[in-house]
Amino acid sequence: MSSKSRVQSRFAGMTLVGLVAAAGWFLSVETRRMDLTVASETAVRRPTGEPQLVSVEPLPALEGQICEWAPASAGTTLLGSLQQEGASRPPPASGSTAGTQTSREVERAPVRVIRDTFPTYSAVAVDPIRNEIVLQDENLFQIMVYDRMANTPPSASMTEPKRVIGGNKTRMEFNCGLYIDPKSGDIYSVNNDTMDTLVIFSREAKGNVPPDRELYTPHGTYGIAVDEQKQELFLTVEHTNAVVVYRKLAQRDEQPLRILQGEHTGLEDPHGIAVDTRSQFLFVTNHGNARNRERGGRFEPPSITVYPLGASGDTAPVRVIQGARTRLNWPAQLSVDEEHQELFVANDADDSVLVFRTTDSGDVAPARILRGPQTGLKNPTGVFVDTANQEIVVSNMGNHSATVYPRTASGDVAPLRTIRNSPQGKLALAIGNPGAAGYDSKREEILVPN
């Protein structure tokens, strides 16, 4: 995020002020595709392809005891029973029959559901041959294909895509990496969390269809790049701080050709990845989490690490871009302009796109920065340099949009075109792969770490 991803690691450092697990009502977080709808006065759960935060009415009082060690006389709700004197006592010893109450299952509709019903674009790619922009939607688990010149008017609520790939047959969940084969137009989509599968679709694919090919990938795979000359596929793996390299046409449980991983690599929560076949270098963005299961972990400043294109094992980078002057802040996907030897970085937490020279090293300022209220950038996680049309296209997870600029754009400049799939100005809820929920009773706020 998915992103983490996105989306999926957004607000991961949030502190929970209150805990609702012991409250009279509870929050149920659906991390996969669960929908709560009402059918004949009861709630029926169905897949939706959307992460959800659900609140439920207080449990009805049951006859007898609320639980084995909490008499119902102290209150008719779980909260009341927990607040009573002695509610914190442990349950009776195993084998005790005192106060045993037969449990029963109760289905009920939620009081309300908090979820984002609009696409959030985690990655972008351009097919210049077919004149299409392809966007990856991590929120609703789908791929959306638009005409390259599509431009949503300010008064319109959205632009209709030419076609959509989505549904349970596609095996897409928390998809955050995207690649378009420049010759065939095949679409490669990386799943970051729940599926652990790279799925490949033909350019004619649409609707709820199974992928034409699958490759089982390590858990936490995020970024994707391809060396078309050598027919090699590069993937970043967040959870193991690694880059794995496969044959481009690898499928199912085929093993990688090589792995770049180790203490000397400088890989620290790697996300974006790009290859420069002209200069034979590999570029990786790192969030800075240098976790190591054997020796613990540490947090370093975010960075871009550079390696020889054929690097493997515990190989140290030939250059590192890192430091306060770089402005790197959750750098996500990146794209290389081989012709002009420039590196474009979607800088998620800074609402910016940074442009470095491919030869940059150390604590160096970007050659250009695209940032400001006129740009329309909001939590950009995907960027693509379209050298055929001299444009850059950015996917914004924070406001349901993709924005297009001249390749040399700098500063606070308005986009040439915008593709939106929600009303203008509507911000994303940023609920993505939530792992818990909390309630701040003083401020009456629900807190959701992702």
Protein backbone atom coordinates (compact mmCIF):
# COMPACT_ATOMS: atom_id res chain seq x y z
CA MET A 1 0.00 0.00 0.00
CA SER A 2 -0.91 -1.95 -0.23
CA SER A 3 0.82 0.40 0.75
CA LYS A 4 1.65 0.04 4.29
CA SER A 5 1.41 0.73 0.82
CA ARG A 6 0.58 2.36 1.20
CA VAL A 7 -2.01 3.53 2.15
CA GLN A 8 -1.09 0.51 4.08
CA SER A 9 1.61 2.04 6.29
CA ARG A 10 0.09 5.47 6.39
CA PHE A 11 -0.34 6.66 10.01
CA ALA A 12 1.49 3.55 11.24
CA GLY A 13 3.05 5.61 14.04
CA MET A 14 -0.30 6.82 15.38
CA THR A 15 -0.72 6.41 19.16
CA LEU A 16 -4.01 4.86 20.31
CA VAL A 17 -5.49 6.91 23.10
CA GLY A 18 -8.43 4.62 23.83
CA LEU A 19 -9.13 0.95 23.33
CA VAL A 20 -12.54 -0.24 22.31
CA ALA A 21 -12.06 -3.95 22.79
CA ALA A 22 -13.75 -3.78 26.19
CA ALA A 23 -16.44 -1.25 25.31
CA GLY A 24 -20.20 -1.92 25.18
CA TRP A 25 -20.02 -1.59 21.45
CA PHE A 26 -17.07 -2.73 19.40
CA LEU A 27 -15.25 -1.92 16.17
CA SER A 28 -14.69 -4.70 13.72
CA VAL A 29 -12.00 -4.08 11.12
CA GLU A 30 -12.31 -6.08 7.93
CA THR A 31 -8.81 -6.31 6.45
CA ARG A 32 -10.00 -8.27 3.48
CA ARG A 33 -13.03 -7.93 1.28
CA MET A 34 -16.05 -8.00 3.60
CA ASP A 35 -19.25 -6.08 3.06
CA LEU A 36 -21.99 -5.67 5.62
CA THR A 37 -25.46 -5.29 4.17
CA VAL A 38 -28.92 -5.85 5.55
CA ALA A 39 -31.08 -8.72 4.35
CA SER A 40 -34.40 -9.44 6.06
CA GLU A 41 -33.40 -7.70 9.29
CA THR A 42 -30.03 -9.50 9.60
CA ALA A 43 -26.55 -8.57 8.38
CA VAL A 44 -25.20 -10.60 5.47
CA ARG A 45 -21.46 -10.42 4.84
CA ARG A 46 -20.29 -10.26 1.25
CA PRO A 47 -16.95 -9.45 -0.44
CA THR A 48 -16.55 -5.83 -1.54
CA GLY A 49 -12.88 -5.41 -2.35
CA GLU A 50 -12.68 -2.57 0.18
CA PRO A 51 -11.07 -2.27 3.62
CA GLN A 52 -13.74 -1.26 6.13
CA LEU A 53 -14.14 0.05 9.64
CA VAL A 54 -17.45 -1.07 11.13
CA SER A 55 -19.26 -0.05 14.31
CA VAL A 56 -21.89 -2.30 15.81
CA GLU A 57 -24.74 -1.70 18.24
CA PRO A 58 -24.43 -2.88 21.88
CA LEU A 59 -24.88 -6.58 22.38
CA PRO A 60 -28.34 -7.47 23.73
CA ALA A 61 -28.54 -8.68 27.30
CA LEU A 62 -28.68 -12.45 27.69
CA GLU A 63 -30.53 -14.34 30.35
CA GLY A 64 -28.44 -15.35 33.30
CA GLN A 65 -24.83 -14.25 33.18
CA ILE A 66 -23.04 -12.09 30.62
CA CYS A 67 -19.90 -14.19 31.00
CA GLU A 68 -18.72 -16.92 33.31
CA TRP A 69 -17.29 -14.55 35.92
CA ALA A 70 -19.50 -11.46 35.51
CA PRO A 71 -23.11 -11.65 36.83
CA ALA A 72 -25.69 -9.87 34.69
CA SER A 73 -27.07 -8.02 37.65
CA ALA A 74 -24.20 -5.56 37.45
CA GLY A 75 -25.31 -4.35 34.04
CA THR A 76 -26.99 -5.48 30.87
CA THR A 77 -24.12 -4.69 28.52
CA LEU A 78 -20.55 -5.91 28.21
CA LEU A 79 -19.30 -2.48 29.28
CA GLY A 80 -21.46 -2.60 32.40
CA SER A 81 -20.25 -6.05 33.29
CA LEU A 82 -16.62 -5.01 32.83
CA GLN A 83 -17.06 -1.92 34.98
CA GLN A 84 -18.61 -3.77 37.88
CA GLU A 85 -16.61 -4.57 40.97
CA GLY A 86 -14.48 -7.61 40.44
CA ALA A 87 -14.91 -7.68 36.66
CA SER A 88 -11.15 -7.86 36.24
CA ARG A 89 -10.97 -11.17 38.09
CA PRO A 90 -9.80 -14.11 35.99
CA PRO A 91 -12.34 -16.68 34.84
CA PRO A 92 -12.97 -19.81 36.91
CA ALA A 93 -10.47 -22.62 36.74
CA SER A 94 -10.76 -25.14 33.95
CA GLY A 95 -13.49 -27.67 34.61
CA SER A 96 -15.63 -25.36 36.75
CA THR A 97 -19.33 -25.49 35.91
CA ALA A 98 -20.44 -22.59 38.08
CA GLY A 99 -22.40 -20.01 36.12
CA THR A 100 -21.83 -21.69 32.77
CA GLN A 101 -23.87 -20.00 30.03
CA THR A 102 -24.42 -21.47 26.58
CA SER A 103 -23.22 -19.01 23.96
CA ARG A 104 -25.25 -18.09 20.91
CA GLU A 105 -24.43 -16.30 17.69
CA VAL A 106 -26.19 -13.04 16.87
CA GLU A 107 -26.22 -11.41 13.43
CA ARG A 108 -26.97 -7.71 13.20
CA ALA A 109 -26.52 -4.87 10.79
CA PRO A 110 -23.78 -2.30 11.53
CA VAL A 111 -24.79 1.10 12.86
CA ARG A 112 -22.53 2.63 10.23
CA VAL A 113 -19.61 1.73 7.99
CA ILE A 114 -16.59 3.99 7.48
CA ARG A 115 -14.95 3.22 4.17
CA ASP A 116 -13.68 4.95 1.06
CA THR A 117 -15.91 4.07 -1.88
CA PHE A 118 -13.63 5.70 -4.46
CA PRO A 119 -10.47 4.34 -6.12
CA THR A 120 -7.10 5.30 -4.67
CA TYR A 121 -4.32 5.18 -7.23
CA SER A 122 -1.21 3.50 -5.87
CA ALA A 123 0.73 3.19 -9.15
CA VAL A 124 0.68 4.40 -12.74
CA ALA A 125 2.14 3.38 -16.09
CA VAL A 126 1.78 4.73 -19.62
CA ASP A 127 1.38 2.69 -22.80
CA PRO A 128 2.55 5.21 -25.45
CA ILE A 129 1.99 2.78 -28.33
CA ARG A 130 -1.70 2.38 -27.49
CA ASN A 131 -2.00 5.89 -26.05
CA GLU A 132 -3.30 4.74 -22.67
CA ILE A 133 -2.72 5.57 -19.02
CA VAL A 134 -3.05 2.58 -16.69
CA LEU A 135 -3.81 3.21 -13.02
CA GLN A 136 -3.74 0.73 -10.18
CA ASP A 137 -6.46 1.10 -7.55
CA GLU A 138 -5.35 -0.27 -4.20
CA ASN A 139 -8.59 0.55 -2.41
CA LEU A 140 -11.08 -1.35 -4.58
CA PHE A 141 -8.51 -3.88 -5.86
CA GLN A 142 -8.69 -3.13 -9.56
CA ILE A 143 -6.81 -1.82 -12.60
CA MET A 144 -8.33 1.08 -14.57
CA VAL A 145 -7.33 1.98 -18.12
CA TYR A 146 -7.88 5.50 -19.52
CA ASP A 147 -7.23 7.28 -22.76
CA ARG A 148 -3.93 9.13 -22.37
CA MET A 149 -5.55 12.49 -23.12
CA ALA A 150 -8.42 12.04 -20.66
CA ASN A 151 -9.03 15.17 -18.59
CA THR A 152 -11.75 15.40 -15.94
CA PRO A 153 -13.52 18.81 -15.99
CA PRO A 154 -13.74 20.54 -12.59
CA SER A 155 -17.53 20.24 -12.65
CA ALA A 156 -17.49 16.49 -13.36
CA SER A 157 -17.44 13.92 -10.57
CA MET A 158 -15.27 11.44 -12.48
CA THR A 159 -13.93 10.21 -15.81
CA GLU A 160 -15.13 6.84 -17.05
CA PRO A 161 -12.27 4.43 -17.78
CA LYS A 162 -12.03 2.61 -21.11
CA ARG A 163 -11.97 -0.68 -19.26
CA VAL A 164 -11.53 -2.08 -15.75
CA ILE A 165 -9.95 -5.30 -14.50
CA GLY A 166 -11.27 -6.25 -11.09
CA GLY A 167 -13.03 -8.92 -9.05
CA ASN A 168 -12.22 -11.99 -7.01
CA LYS A 169 -11.03 -13.98 -10.03
CA THR A 170 -8.25 -11.45 -10.73
CA ARG A 171 -6.37 -12.31 -7.52
CA MET A 172 -5.61 -8.65 -6.86
CA GLU A 173 -5.52 -7.34 -3.28
CA PHE A 174 -3.53 -4.36 -1.98
CA ASN A 175 -1.91 -4.10 -5.40
CA CYS A 176 0.83 -1.47 -5.37
CA GLY A 177 3.29 -2.08 -8.22
CA LEU A 178 2.55 -1.77 -11.94
CA TYR A 179 4.40 -2.46 -15.18
CA ILE A 180 3.29 -2.39 -18.84
CA ASP A 181 5.12 -4.53 -21.40
CA PRO A 182 6.20 -1.99 -24.05
CA LYS A 183 5.68 -4.47 -26.90
CA SER A 184 2.70 -6.66 -26.00
CA GLY A 185 0.89 -4.23 -23.69
CA ASP A 186 0.60 -6.96 -21.01
CA ILE A 187 -0.12 -5.54 -17.55
CA TYR A 188 1.92 -6.72 -14.53
CA SER A 189 0.36 -6.03 -11.12
CA VAL A 190 2.14 -6.62 -7.79
CA ASN A 191 0.18 -7.63 -4.69
CA ASN A 192 1.80 -6.35 -1.52
CA ASP A 193 0.13 -8.16 1.34
CA THR A 194 -2.64 -10.74 1.34
CA MET A 195 -2.14 -12.51 -2.00
CA ASP A 196 1.68 -12.73 -2.37
CA THR A 197 1.23 -13.08 -6.11
CA LEU A 198 2.33 -11.14 -9.18
CA VAL A 199 -0.50 -11.30 -11.72
CA ILE A 200 -0.16 -10.66 -15.46
CA PHE A 201 -3.05 -9.76 -17.76
CA SER A 202 -3.16 -9.32 -21.53
CA ARG A 203 -3.99 -5.83 -22.78
CA GLU A 204 -7.42 -7.08 -23.90
CA ALA A 205 -8.36 -8.24 -20.39
CA LYS A 206 -11.32 -6.59 -18.71
CA GLY A 207 -13.82 -7.37 -16.01
CA ASN A 208 -13.57 -10.13 -13.42
CA VAL A 209 -11.16 -12.44 -15.23
CA PRO A 210 -8.33 -14.67 -13.98
CA PRO A 211 -4.78 -13.57 -14.81
CA ASP A 212 -3.07 -15.03 -17.86
CA ARG A 213 -0.04 -15.83 -15.73
CA GLU A 214 0.91 -15.78 -12.03
CA LEU A 215 4.18 -15.69 -10.12
CA TYR A 216 4.19 -16.48 -6.41
CA THR A 217 6.20 -13.72 -4.72
CA PRO A 218 7.68 -13.13 -1.23
CA HIS A 219 5.40 -11.54 1.34
CA GLY A 220 5.66 -7.75 1.29
CA THR A 221 6.61 -7.36 -2.37
CA TYR A 222 6.08 -3.73 -3.44
CA GLY A 223 7.92 -2.34 -6.48
CA ILE A 224 8.50 -3.76 -9.95
CA ALA A 225 10.91 -3.02 -12.80
CA VAL A 226 11.96 -4.94 -15.90
CA ASP A 227 15.19 -5.09 -17.86
CA GLU A 228 13.79 -5.76 -21.32
CA GLN A 229 17.25 -6.32 -22.80
CA LYS A 230 18.03 -9.22 -20.47
CA GLN A 231 14.38 -10.21 -19.92
CA GLU A 232 14.74 -9.93 -16.14
CA LEU A 233 12.07 -8.94 -13.61
CA PHE A 234 13.08 -6.99 -10.46
CA LEU A 235 10.90 -6.84 -7.31
CA THR A 236 11.48 -5.09 -3.99
CA VAL A 237 10.49 -6.90 -0.78
CA GLU A 238 9.78 -4.68 2.20
CA HIS A 239 9.66 -7.27 4.97
CA THR A 240 13.02 -8.87 4.22
CA ASN A 241 14.88 -5.81 2.89
CA ALA A 242 15.63 -7.48 -0.41
CA VAL A 243 15.49 -7.19 -4.18
CA VAL A 244 14.60 -10.46 -5.92
CA VAL A 245 15.25 -10.98 -9.62
CA TYR A 246 13.30 -13.46 -11.78
CA ARG A 247 13.08 -14.33 -15.42
CA LYS A 248 10.58 -11.93 -16.93
CA LEU A 249 8.39 -14.88 -17.98
CA ALA A 250 8.68 -16.71 -14.66
CA GLN A 251 5.47 -18.19 -13.30
CA ARG A 252 3.95 -19.89 -10.29
CA ASP A 253 6.62 -21.18 -7.85
CA GLU A 254 9.68 -20.58 -10.05
CA GLN A 255 12.68 -19.53 -7.98
CA PRO A 256 14.51 -16.20 -8.48
CA LEU A 257 17.69 -15.95 -10.53
CA ARG A 258 19.40 -13.99 -7.77
CA ILE A 259 18.69 -12.03 -4.59
CA LEU A 260 20.21 -8.75 -3.41
CA GLN A 261 20.09 -8.79 0.39
CA GLY A 262 22.31 -8.27 3.43
CA GLU A 263 23.70 -5.81 5.94
CA HIS A 264 25.98 -4.12 3.41
CA THR A 265 23.29 -3.49 0.78
CA GLY A 266 21.76 -0.52 2.59
CA LEU A 267 18.29 -1.84 1.72
CA GLU A 268 16.02 -0.50 4.46
CA ASP A 269 12.32 -1.07 3.82
CA PRO A 270 12.75 -0.88 0.03
CA HIS A 271 9.79 0.36 -2.01
CA GLY A 272 10.30 1.78 -5.49
CA ILE A 273 12.69 0.32 -8.03
CA ALA A 274 13.90 1.37 -11.48
CA VAL A 275 16.50 0.11 -13.95
CA ASP A 276 18.73 2.17 -16.22
CA THR A 277 19.82 -0.17 -19.00
CA ARG A 278 21.89 2.57 -20.65
CA SER A 279 24.21 3.08 -17.69
CA GLN A 280 23.55 -0.41 -16.22
CA PHE A 281 22.42 0.77 -12.80
CA LEU A 282 19.63 -0.25 -10.44
CA PHE A 283 17.88 2.37 -8.25
CA VAL A 284 15.87 1.61 -5.08
CA THR A 285 13.97 3.92 -2.70
CA ASN A 286 14.12 3.06 1.02
CA HIS A 287 11.87 4.26 3.82
CA GLY A 288 14.65 3.68 6.37
CA ASN A 289 13.45 0.73 8.48
CA ALA A 290 16.63 -1.33 8.79
CA ARG A 291 15.03 -4.24 10.63
CA ASN A 292 17.01 -7.39 11.18
CA ARG A 293 15.35 -10.40 12.78
CA GLU A 294 18.56 -11.69 14.34
CA ARG A 295 20.08 -8.43 15.58
CA GLY A 296 17.05 -6.17 16.00
CA GLY A 297 16.51 -3.04 13.98
CA ARG A 298 17.05 0.68 13.68
CA PHE A 299 15.56 3.60 11.78
CA GLU A 300 17.68 5.50 9.28
CA PRO A 301 16.82 8.53 7.11
CA PRO A 302 15.09 7.59 3.86
CA SER A 303 17.38 7.04 0.90
CA ILE A 304 17.90 6.05 -2.71
CA THR A 305 20.49 3.30 -3.10
CA VAL A 306 22.25 2.59 -6.41
CA TYR A 307 23.73 -0.76 -7.50
CA PRO A 308 25.21 -2.36 -10.58
CA LEU A 309 22.34 -3.83 -12.56
CA GLY A 310 23.62 -7.38 -12.04
CA ALA A 311 24.24 -7.03 -8.29
CA SER A 312 23.41 -9.95 -6.02
CA GLY A 313 24.10 -11.13 -2.50
CA ASP A 314 25.31 -8.71 0.16
CA THR A 315 26.57 -6.08 -2.31
CA ALA A 316 27.09 -2.52 -1.05
CA PRO A 317 25.60 0.32 -3.13
CA VAL A 318 27.91 2.27 -5.40
CA ARG A 319 26.12 5.48 -4.40
CA VAL A 320 23.55 6.56 -1.81
CA ILE A 321 21.34 9.65 -2.01
CA GLN A 322 20.43 10.50 1.58
CA GLY A 323 20.21 13.48 3.92
CA ALA A 324 18.14 16.51 4.88
CA ARG A 325 18.79 18.36 1.61
CA THR A 326 17.30 15.53 -0.46
CA ARG A 327 13.79 16.13 1.01
CA LEU A 328 13.11 12.39 0.78
CA ASN A 329 10.10 11.51 2.93
CA TRP A 330 8.51 8.09 2.38
CA PRO A 331 9.84 7.89 -1.18
CA ALA A 332 7.68 5.43 -3.09
CA GLN A 333 7.79 4.50 -6.79
CA LEU A 334 10.45 6.01 -9.05
CA SER A 335 11.05 6.23 -12.79
CA VAL A 336 14.22 6.72 -14.83
CA ASP A 337 14.54 8.94 -17.89
CA GLU A 338 17.48 7.21 -19.57
CA GLU A 339 17.74 9.81 -22.34
CA HIS A 340 18.19 12.76 -19.98
CA GLN A 341 19.70 10.70 -17.14
CA GLU A 342 17.17 11.89 -14.59
CA LEU A 343 15.48 10.05 -11.75
CA PHE A 344 11.88 10.93 -10.79
CA VAL A 345 10.67 10.05 -7.27
CA ALA A 346 7.09 10.03 -5.96
CA ASN A 347 7.68 11.53 -2.51
CA ASP A 348 4.60 10.37 -0.62
CA ALA A 349 4.71 12.14 2.75
CA ASP A 350 5.95 15.45 1.28
CA ASP A 351 3.23 15.72 -1.43
CA SER A 352 5.95 16.21 -4.00
CA VAL A 353 7.83 14.75 -6.96
CA LEU A 354 11.61 15.02 -6.71
CA VAL A 355 13.94 14.93 -9.70
CA PHE A 356 17.58 13.87 -9.23
CA ARG A 357 20.39 13.30 -11.67
CA THR A 358 21.18 9.61 -12.00
CA THR A 359 24.78 10.40 -10.98
CA ASP A 360 23.80 12.21 -7.76
CA SER A 361 25.26 11.00 -4.47
CA GLY A 362 25.17 11.97 -0.80
CA ASP A 363 23.15 14.76 0.80
CA VAL A 364 22.30 16.52 -2.46
CA ALA A 365 19.34 18.76 -3.25
CA PRO A 366 17.02 17.67 -6.08
CA ALA A 367 17.59 19.22 -9.48
CA ARG A 368 13.86 20.06 -9.56
CA ILE A 369 10.94 19.81 -7.14
CA LEU A 370 7.30 19.66 -8.19
CA ARG A 371 5.29 20.74 -5.16
CA GLY A 372 2.57 23.17 -4.07
CA PRO A 373 -1.21 23.68 -3.91
CA GLN A 374 -1.52 24.31 -7.66
CA THR A 375 0.05 20.96 -8.54
CA GLY A 376 -2.82 18.84 -7.20
CA LEU A 377 -0.31 16.44 -5.66
CA LYS A 378 -1.54 14.62 -2.55
CA ASN A 379 0.38 11.63 -1.21
CA PRO A 380 1.88 10.67 -4.58
CA THR A 381 3.04 7.05 -4.60
CA GLY A 382 3.42 6.40 -8.34
CA VAL A 383 5.28 8.28 -11.08
CA PHE A 384 6.00 7.47 -14.73
CA VAL A 385 8.19 9.36 -17.19
CA ASP A 386 6.57 9.24 -20.64
CA THR A 387 9.56 10.13 -22.82
CA ALA A 388 7.57 9.54 -26.03
CA ASN A 389 5.28 12.46 -25.15
CA GLN A 390 7.69 14.38 -22.87
CA GLU A 391 5.33 14.16 -19.89
CA ILE A 392 5.30 12.77 -16.37
CA VAL A 393 2.21 11.13 -14.91
CA VAL A 394 1.70 10.88 -11.14
CA SER A 395 -0.77 8.76 -9.17
CA ASN A 396 -2.05 10.43 -6.00
CA MET A 397 -3.36 8.16 -3.26
CA GLY A 398 -4.48 11.11 -1.18
CA ASN A 399 -7.14 12.60 -3.50
CA HIS A 400 -8.29 9.89 -5.95
CA SER A 401 -6.47 11.41 -8.91
CA ALA A 402 -3.71 11.09 -11.46
CA THR A 403 -2.03 14.27 -12.67
CA VAL A 404 0.01 14.96 -15.82
CA TYR A 405 2.80 17.56 -16.21
CA PRO A 406 5.45 18.55 -18.74
CA ARG A 407 8.57 16.48 -18.23
CA THR A 408 10.55 19.53 -17.12
CA ALA A 409 7.89 20.91 -14.75
CA SER A 410 9.18 22.47 -11.55
CA GLY A 411 7.72 24.36 -8.61
CA ASP A 412 4.04 24.99 -7.94
CA VAL A 413 2.60 24.44 -11.43
CA ALA A 414 -0.87 23.26 -12.36
CA PRO A 415 -1.15 19.92 -14.17
CA LEU A 416 -1.77 19.76 -17.89
CA ARG A 417 -4.51 17.21 -17.30
CA THR A 418 -6.14 15.45 -14.36
CA ILE A 419 -7.92 12.12 -14.21
CA ARG A 420 -10.27 11.91 -11.24
CA ASN A 421 -12.58 9.19 -10.05
CA SER A 422 -14.26 11.18 -7.29
CA PRO A 423 -15.66 14.70 -6.83
CA GLN A 424 -13.00 17.39 -7.01
CA GLY A 425 -11.29 18.10 -3.72
CA LYS A 426 -12.45 14.91 -2.01
CA LEU A 427 -9.64 13.48 0.06
CA ALA A 428 -9.04 9.77 0.51
CA LEU A 429 -9.94 8.33 3.91
CA ALA A 430 -6.52 6.63 4.02
CA ILE A 431 -7.90 3.46 5.61
CA GLY A 432 -5.78 0.76 4.10
CA ASN A 433 -5.04 -2.66 5.55
CA PRO A 434 -5.92 -1.51 9.11
CA GLY A 435 -4.59 -3.73 11.85
CA ALA A 436 -6.52 -2.35 14.82
CA ALA A 437 -8.87 0.39 15.93
CA GLY A 438 -9.07 2.65 18.96
CA TYR A 439 -11.50 5.13 20.44
CA ASP A 440 -10.61 8.45 22.10
CA SER A 441 -13.53 9.04 24.45
CA LYS A 442 -12.41 12.56 25.35
CA ARG A 443 -12.41 13.79 21.76
CA GLU A 444 -14.93 11.23 20.52
CA GLU A 445 -12.63 10.18 17.70
CA ILE A 446 -11.96 6.81 16.13
CA LEU A 447 -8.26 6.12 15.57
CA VAL A 448 -7.15 3.70 12.86
CA PRO A 449 -3.49 2.67 12.52
CA ASN A 450 -2.71 1.11 9.15
